[in-house]
């Protein structure tokens, strides 16, 4: 199995009414439930936009500096994502396609290069990224 990130940038999404967002939220949550039932969902959250920024951490003169920004000139920022664990690229693309269908906006699929680290010891990894 390999871990994948399915994500979209908030700037890819046109403005929606509250009713449209509620309808798409219901539809996307149904796809996420399908992922749960298929045993492939690791984590999902689609509630990110420009209003949710808490701050930016950067290194200045060897020390962390936290600002209220992001003040970087950028046209894209993460809007929402889910992490899945599936056997191959084709399956990852399938789930991204399901989300694109119900949301009607593009989804990117990224394959992680190795296993990540989890909060629980049951699925933790060692220093080499190998599952414990």
N, C-alpha and C. Protein backbone atom coordinates (compact mmCIF):
# COMPACT_ATOMS: atom_id res chain seq x y z
N UNK A 1 0.85 -1.18 0.00
CA UNK A 1 0.00 0.00 0.00
C UNK A 1 0.89 1.24 0.00
N UNK A 2 0.40 2.30 -0.58
CA UNK A 2 1.10 3.57 -0.61
C UNK A 2 0.16 4.67 -0.13
N UNK A 3 0.73 5.70 0.44
CA UNK A 3 -0.06 6.82 0.94
C UNK A 3 -0.08 7.94 -0.10
N UNK A 4 -1.25 8.53 -0.28
CA UNK A 4 -1.45 9.59 -1.26
C UNK A 4 -2.16 10.77 -0.60
N UNK A 5 -1.89 11.95 -1.12
CA UNK A 5 -2.59 13.16 -0.73
C UNK A 5 -3.45 13.58 -1.91
N UNK A 6 -4.73 13.74 -1.66
CA UNK A 6 -5.65 14.31 -2.65
C UNK A 6 -6.00 15.70 -2.11
N UNK A 7 -5.77 16.74 -2.94
CA UNK A 7 -5.98 18.08 -2.42
C UNK A 7 -6.44 19.03 -3.51
N UNK A 8 -6.96 20.17 -3.07
CA UNK A 8 -7.30 21.22 -4.01
C UNK A 8 -6.86 22.55 -3.43
N UNK A 9 -6.59 23.50 -4.32
CA UNK A 9 -6.27 24.86 -3.91
C UNK A 9 -7.55 25.67 -3.88
N UNK A 10 -7.69 26.49 -2.87
CA UNK A 10 -8.90 27.29 -2.71
C UNK A 10 -9.14 28.20 -3.92
N UNK A 11 -8.08 28.68 -4.55
CA UNK A 11 -8.24 29.57 -5.69
C UNK A 11 -8.81 28.88 -6.92
N UNK A 12 -8.83 27.54 -6.94
CA UNK A 12 -9.39 26.82 -8.07
C UNK A 12 -10.92 26.80 -8.02
N UNK A 13 -11.48 27.23 -6.91
CA UNK A 13 -12.92 27.08 -6.66
C UNK A 13 -13.60 28.45 -6.79
N UNK A 14 -14.60 28.52 -7.65
CA UNK A 14 -15.35 29.78 -7.79
C UNK A 14 -16.13 30.05 -6.50
N UNK A 15 -16.60 31.26 -6.36
CA UNK A 15 -17.43 31.60 -5.21
C UNK A 15 -18.71 30.77 -5.24
N UNK A 16 -19.12 30.28 -4.07
CA UNK A 16 -20.33 29.47 -3.95
C UNK A 16 -21.27 30.12 -2.94
N UNK A 17 -22.55 29.89 -3.14
CA UNK A 17 -23.52 30.31 -2.13
C UNK A 17 -23.44 29.34 -0.96
N UNK A 18 -24.02 29.73 0.15
CA UNK A 18 -24.04 28.85 1.32
C UNK A 18 -24.76 27.54 0.99
N UNK A 19 -25.84 27.61 0.22
CA UNK A 19 -26.58 26.40 -0.15
C UNK A 19 -25.74 25.49 -1.05
N UNK A 20 -25.02 26.07 -2.00
CA UNK A 20 -24.16 25.26 -2.87
C UNK A 20 -23.07 24.57 -2.06
N UNK A 21 -22.46 25.30 -1.13
CA UNK A 21 -21.41 24.70 -0.31
C UNK A 21 -21.97 23.59 0.58
N UNK A 22 -23.17 23.79 1.11
CA UNK A 22 -23.79 22.76 1.94
C UNK A 22 -24.06 21.50 1.12
N UNK A 23 -24.56 21.67 -0.10
CA UNK A 23 -24.83 20.52 -0.97
C UNK A 23 -23.54 19.78 -1.31
N UNK A 24 -22.50 20.54 -1.66
CA UNK A 24 -21.22 19.90 -2.00
C UNK A 24 -20.58 19.27 -0.77
N UNK A 25 -20.77 19.89 0.39
CA UNK A 25 -20.25 19.30 1.63
C UNK A 25 -20.89 17.94 1.91
N UNK A 26 -22.18 17.86 1.74
CA UNK A 26 -22.89 16.60 1.94
C UNK A 26 -22.40 15.55 0.96
N UNK A 27 -22.25 15.94 -0.31
CA UNK A 27 -21.81 14.99 -1.34
C UNK A 27 -20.37 14.52 -1.08
N UNK A 28 -19.48 15.45 -0.71
CA UNK A 28 -18.09 15.05 -0.48
C UNK A 28 -17.96 14.20 0.78
N UNK A 29 -18.76 14.49 1.80
CA UNK A 29 -18.73 13.66 3.01
C UNK A 29 -19.19 12.23 2.70
N UNK A 30 -20.10 12.08 1.75
CA UNK A 30 -20.53 10.73 1.34
C UNK A 30 -19.37 9.98 0.70
N UNK A 31 -18.55 10.67 -0.11
CA UNK A 31 -17.39 10.02 -0.72
C UNK A 31 -16.37 9.66 0.35
N UNK A 32 -16.18 10.55 1.31
CA UNK A 32 -15.25 10.26 2.41
C UNK A 32 -15.74 9.05 3.20
N UNK A 33 -17.04 8.93 3.41
CA UNK A 33 -17.58 7.73 4.08
C UNK A 33 -17.31 6.48 3.26
N UNK A 34 -17.40 6.59 1.91
CA UNK A 34 -17.05 5.46 1.05
C UNK A 34 -15.58 5.08 1.26
N UNK A 35 -14.72 6.08 1.37
CA UNK A 35 -13.30 5.81 1.63
C UNK A 35 -13.11 5.10 2.96
N UNK A 36 -13.85 5.55 3.98
CA UNK A 36 -13.78 4.90 5.30
C UNK A 36 -14.22 3.44 5.19
N UNK A 37 -15.35 3.23 4.52
CA UNK A 37 -15.88 1.87 4.39
C UNK A 37 -14.93 0.97 3.60
N UNK A 38 -14.20 1.55 2.63
CA UNK A 38 -13.24 0.79 1.85
C UNK A 38 -11.93 0.59 2.61
N UNK A 39 -11.79 1.26 3.76
CA UNK A 39 -10.60 1.12 4.59
C UNK A 39 -9.38 1.84 4.06
N UNK A 40 -9.57 2.89 3.23
CA UNK A 40 -8.43 3.59 2.63
C UNK A 40 -8.18 4.97 3.22
N UNK A 41 -9.15 5.54 3.93
CA UNK A 41 -9.00 6.91 4.44
C UNK A 41 -8.05 6.95 5.63
N UNK A 42 -7.06 7.83 5.57
CA UNK A 42 -6.19 8.09 6.71
C UNK A 42 -6.67 9.32 7.46
N UNK A 43 -6.97 10.41 6.70
CA UNK A 43 -7.42 11.66 7.32
C UNK A 43 -7.99 12.55 6.25
N UNK A 44 -8.97 13.36 6.60
CA UNK A 44 -9.55 14.29 5.64
C UNK A 44 -10.00 15.56 6.35
N UNK A 45 -9.88 16.68 5.64
CA UNK A 45 -10.42 17.94 6.13
C UNK A 45 -10.54 18.88 4.96
N UNK A 46 -11.69 19.44 4.76
CA UNK A 46 -11.91 20.34 3.62
C UNK A 46 -12.26 21.74 4.03
N UNK A 47 -11.95 22.12 5.25
CA UNK A 47 -12.39 23.41 5.74
C UNK A 47 -11.32 24.48 5.78
N UNK A 48 -10.44 24.53 4.80
CA UNK A 48 -9.37 25.52 4.80
C UNK A 48 -9.62 26.57 3.73
N UNK A 49 -9.38 27.83 4.08
CA UNK A 49 -9.41 28.91 3.09
C UNK A 49 -8.62 30.08 3.67
N UNK A 50 -8.65 31.21 3.01
CA UNK A 50 -7.86 32.36 3.44
C UNK A 50 -8.23 32.81 4.85
N UNK A 51 -9.46 32.57 5.26
CA UNK A 51 -9.92 33.01 6.58
C UNK A 51 -9.42 32.12 7.72
N UNK A 52 -8.88 30.96 7.43
CA UNK A 52 -8.48 30.03 8.48
C UNK A 52 -7.01 30.13 8.85
N UNK A 53 -6.26 31.02 8.19
CA UNK A 53 -4.83 31.14 8.46
C UNK A 53 -4.61 31.62 9.89
N UNK A 54 -3.80 30.87 10.63
CA UNK A 54 -3.47 31.21 12.02
C UNK A 54 -2.17 31.99 12.07
N UNK A 55 -1.24 31.65 11.23
CA UNK A 55 0.05 32.34 11.22
C UNK A 55 1.03 31.62 10.33
N UNK A 56 2.22 32.21 10.23
CA UNK A 56 3.30 31.64 9.43
C UNK A 56 4.55 31.59 10.28
N UNK A 57 5.23 30.46 10.27
CA UNK A 57 6.49 30.32 11.00
C UNK A 57 7.63 30.34 10.01
N UNK A 58 8.61 31.21 10.25
CA UNK A 58 9.80 31.28 9.42
C UNK A 58 11.02 31.33 10.32
N UNK A 59 12.16 31.06 9.75
CA UNK A 59 13.42 31.11 10.49
C UNK A 59 14.13 32.42 10.12
N UNK A 60 14.42 33.23 11.12
CA UNK A 60 15.14 34.48 10.92
C UNK A 60 16.31 34.51 11.90
N UNK A 61 17.51 34.64 11.37
CA UNK A 61 18.71 34.66 12.21
C UNK A 61 18.77 33.45 13.14
N UNK A 62 18.37 32.29 12.63
CA UNK A 62 18.47 31.06 13.39
C UNK A 62 17.35 30.82 14.39
N UNK A 63 16.38 31.71 14.47
CA UNK A 63 15.29 31.56 15.43
C UNK A 63 13.94 31.61 14.71
N UNK A 64 12.97 30.92 15.27
CA UNK A 64 11.62 30.92 14.70
C UNK A 64 10.96 32.27 14.95
N UNK A 65 10.34 32.80 13.91
CA UNK A 65 9.56 34.02 14.01
C UNK A 65 8.16 33.68 13.52
N UNK A 66 7.17 33.97 14.35
CA UNK A 66 5.78 33.69 14.01
C UNK A 66 5.10 35.01 13.66
N UNK A 67 4.46 35.03 12.48
CA UNK A 67 3.73 36.23 12.06
C UNK A 67 2.28 35.88 11.82
N UNK A 68 1.47 36.91 11.70
CA UNK A 68 0.04 36.71 11.49
C UNK A 68 -0.32 36.38 10.05
N UNK A 69 0.62 36.39 9.15
CA UNK A 69 0.42 36.29 7.71
C UNK A 69 -0.12 34.96 7.24
N UNK A 70 -0.26 34.53 6.04
CA UNK A 70 0.87 34.53 5.13
C UNK A 70 0.92 35.85 4.35
N UNK A 71 2.08 36.42 4.30
CA UNK A 71 2.25 37.66 3.57
C UNK A 71 3.03 37.44 2.29
N UNK A 72 3.25 36.18 1.95
CA UNK A 72 3.93 35.85 0.71
C UNK A 72 2.97 36.11 -0.44
N UNK A 73 3.47 36.69 -1.52
CA UNK A 73 2.65 36.88 -2.71
C UNK A 73 2.40 35.52 -3.34
N UNK A 74 1.19 35.04 -3.25
CA UNK A 74 0.86 33.74 -3.83
C UNK A 74 -0.57 33.77 -4.33
N UNK A 75 -0.83 33.03 -5.37
CA UNK A 75 -2.17 32.95 -5.91
C UNK A 75 -2.88 31.69 -5.46
N UNK A 76 -2.18 30.78 -4.81
CA UNK A 76 -2.79 29.51 -4.43
C UNK A 76 -2.52 29.21 -2.97
N UNK A 77 -3.48 28.62 -2.31
CA UNK A 77 -3.27 28.05 -0.99
C UNK A 77 -4.22 26.88 -0.82
N UNK A 78 -3.82 25.98 0.04
CA UNK A 78 -4.56 24.75 0.25
C UNK A 78 -5.98 25.05 0.68
N UNK A 79 -6.94 24.37 0.06
CA UNK A 79 -8.33 24.55 0.40
C UNK A 79 -8.88 23.38 1.20
N UNK A 80 -8.44 22.19 0.91
CA UNK A 80 -8.88 21.01 1.61
C UNK A 80 -8.12 19.81 1.09
N UNK A 81 -8.17 18.72 1.85
CA UNK A 81 -7.37 17.56 1.46
C UNK A 81 -7.87 16.31 2.15
N UNK A 82 -7.41 15.18 1.66
CA UNK A 82 -7.54 13.92 2.38
C UNK A 82 -6.31 13.09 2.08
N UNK A 83 -5.91 12.31 3.04
CA UNK A 83 -4.80 11.38 2.88
C UNK A 83 -5.38 9.98 2.86
N UNK A 84 -4.95 9.19 1.87
CA UNK A 84 -5.47 7.84 1.72
C UNK A 84 -4.32 6.85 1.61
N UNK A 85 -4.60 5.60 1.90
CA UNK A 85 -3.63 4.52 1.81
C UNK A 85 -4.22 3.47 0.88
N UNK A 86 -3.75 3.44 -0.37
CA UNK A 86 -4.30 2.55 -1.39
C UNK A 86 -3.17 1.81 -2.10
N UNK A 87 -3.49 0.74 -2.83
CA UNK A 87 -2.44 -0.09 -3.42
C UNK A 87 -1.67 0.52 -4.58
N UNK A 88 -2.28 1.49 -5.31
CA UNK A 88 -1.60 1.97 -6.51
C UNK A 88 -2.13 3.33 -6.96
N UNK A 89 -1.43 3.89 -7.96
CA UNK A 89 -1.80 5.21 -8.49
C UNK A 89 -3.21 5.20 -9.06
N UNK A 90 -3.59 4.14 -9.74
CA UNK A 90 -4.91 4.06 -10.35
C UNK A 90 -6.01 4.21 -9.29
N UNK A 91 -5.85 3.56 -8.16
CA UNK A 91 -6.86 3.65 -7.10
C UNK A 91 -6.88 5.05 -6.50
N UNK A 92 -5.72 5.66 -6.33
CA UNK A 92 -5.67 7.03 -5.82
C UNK A 92 -6.37 7.98 -6.79
N UNK A 93 -6.14 7.78 -8.07
CA UNK A 93 -6.80 8.62 -9.08
C UNK A 93 -8.32 8.40 -9.05
N UNK A 94 -8.75 7.17 -8.81
CA UNK A 94 -10.18 6.89 -8.72
C UNK A 94 -10.83 7.76 -7.64
N UNK A 95 -10.23 7.78 -6.43
CA UNK A 95 -10.81 8.54 -5.33
C UNK A 95 -10.75 10.03 -5.60
N UNK A 96 -9.68 10.51 -6.22
CA UNK A 96 -9.61 11.93 -6.59
C UNK A 96 -10.71 12.26 -7.60
N UNK A 97 -10.94 11.35 -8.53
CA UNK A 97 -12.01 11.54 -9.50
C UNK A 97 -13.38 11.59 -8.87
N UNK A 98 -13.61 10.73 -7.89
CA UNK A 98 -14.90 10.75 -7.18
C UNK A 98 -15.13 12.11 -6.52
N UNK A 99 -14.07 12.64 -5.87
CA UNK A 99 -14.21 13.95 -5.24
C UNK A 99 -14.41 15.05 -6.28
N UNK A 100 -13.68 15.00 -7.39
CA UNK A 100 -13.85 15.99 -8.45
C UNK A 100 -15.27 15.97 -9.01
N UNK A 101 -15.84 14.77 -9.12
CA UNK A 101 -17.21 14.66 -9.64
C UNK A 101 -18.22 15.34 -8.72
N UNK A 102 -18.14 15.08 -7.43
CA UNK A 102 -19.17 15.61 -6.53
C UNK A 102 -18.93 17.08 -6.18
N UNK A 103 -17.68 17.52 -6.21
CA UNK A 103 -17.38 18.91 -5.88
C UNK A 103 -17.37 19.82 -7.10
N UNK A 104 -17.10 19.25 -8.27
CA UNK A 104 -17.01 20.01 -9.51
C UNK A 104 -15.87 21.03 -9.46
N UNK A 105 -14.75 20.62 -8.83
CA UNK A 105 -13.53 21.39 -8.95
C UNK A 105 -12.34 20.44 -8.93
N UNK A 106 -11.21 20.88 -9.50
CA UNK A 106 -10.07 19.98 -9.69
C UNK A 106 -9.50 19.45 -8.38
N UNK A 107 -8.94 18.25 -8.46
CA UNK A 107 -8.25 17.62 -7.34
C UNK A 107 -6.86 17.21 -7.83
N UNK A 108 -5.84 17.43 -7.04
CA UNK A 108 -4.50 16.94 -7.34
C UNK A 108 -4.24 15.69 -6.53
N UNK A 109 -3.45 14.78 -7.09
CA UNK A 109 -3.08 13.57 -6.37
C UNK A 109 -1.56 13.54 -6.26
N UNK A 110 -1.06 13.38 -5.04
CA UNK A 110 0.38 13.28 -4.79
C UNK A 110 0.66 11.97 -4.06
N UNK A 111 1.68 11.24 -4.49
CA UNK A 111 2.10 10.03 -3.79
C UNK A 111 3.22 10.41 -2.84
N UNK A 112 3.06 10.05 -1.57
CA UNK A 112 4.14 10.28 -0.60
C UNK A 112 5.29 9.33 -0.92
N UNK A 113 6.51 9.77 -0.67
CA UNK A 113 7.68 8.96 -0.99
C UNK A 113 7.90 7.82 -0.01
N UNK A 114 7.33 7.90 1.14
CA UNK A 114 7.49 6.84 2.13
C UNK A 114 6.41 6.96 3.17
N UNK A 115 6.41 6.05 4.11
CA UNK A 115 5.41 6.07 5.17
C UNK A 115 5.63 7.28 6.06
N UNK A 116 4.57 7.85 6.52
CA UNK A 116 4.65 9.00 7.41
C UNK A 116 4.68 8.58 8.86
N UNK A 117 4.49 9.54 9.71
CA UNK A 117 4.47 9.27 11.15
C UNK A 117 3.07 9.54 11.67
N UNK A 118 2.60 8.69 12.53
CA UNK A 118 1.26 8.81 13.08
C UNK A 118 1.33 9.12 14.57
N UNK A 119 0.22 9.55 15.11
CA UNK A 119 0.15 9.90 16.52
C UNK A 119 0.13 8.69 17.43
N UNK A 120 -0.28 7.54 16.92
CA UNK A 120 -0.36 6.35 17.75
C UNK A 120 0.82 5.43 17.51
N UNK A 121 1.18 4.67 18.51
CA UNK A 121 2.30 3.75 18.35
C UNK A 121 1.96 2.58 17.44
N UNK A 122 0.69 2.26 17.31
CA UNK A 122 0.29 1.14 16.45
C UNK A 122 0.65 1.38 14.99
N UNK A 123 0.63 2.64 14.57
CA UNK A 123 0.94 2.92 13.18
C UNK A 123 2.14 3.85 13.04
N UNK A 124 2.96 3.94 14.10
CA UNK A 124 4.13 4.82 14.07
C UNK A 124 5.19 4.24 13.16
N UNK A 125 6.13 5.10 12.78
CA UNK A 125 7.23 4.67 11.93
C UNK A 125 8.53 4.88 12.66
N UNK A 126 9.57 4.14 12.23
CA UNK A 126 10.89 4.33 12.83
C UNK A 126 11.60 5.47 12.10
N UNK A 127 12.87 5.71 12.43
CA UNK A 127 13.61 6.82 11.85
C UNK A 127 13.80 6.69 10.35
N UNK A 128 13.65 5.51 9.80
CA UNK A 128 13.81 5.30 8.37
C UNK A 128 12.49 5.36 7.63
N UNK A 129 11.41 5.69 8.33
CA UNK A 129 10.10 5.76 7.70
C UNK A 129 9.43 4.42 7.55
N UNK A 130 9.95 3.39 8.17
CA UNK A 130 9.36 2.06 8.11
C UNK A 130 8.30 1.93 9.19
N UNK A 131 7.21 1.28 8.84
CA UNK A 131 6.16 1.08 9.85
C UNK A 131 6.70 0.23 10.99
N UNK A 132 6.37 0.66 12.21
CA UNK A 132 6.85 -0.07 13.40
C UNK A 132 6.05 -1.34 13.58
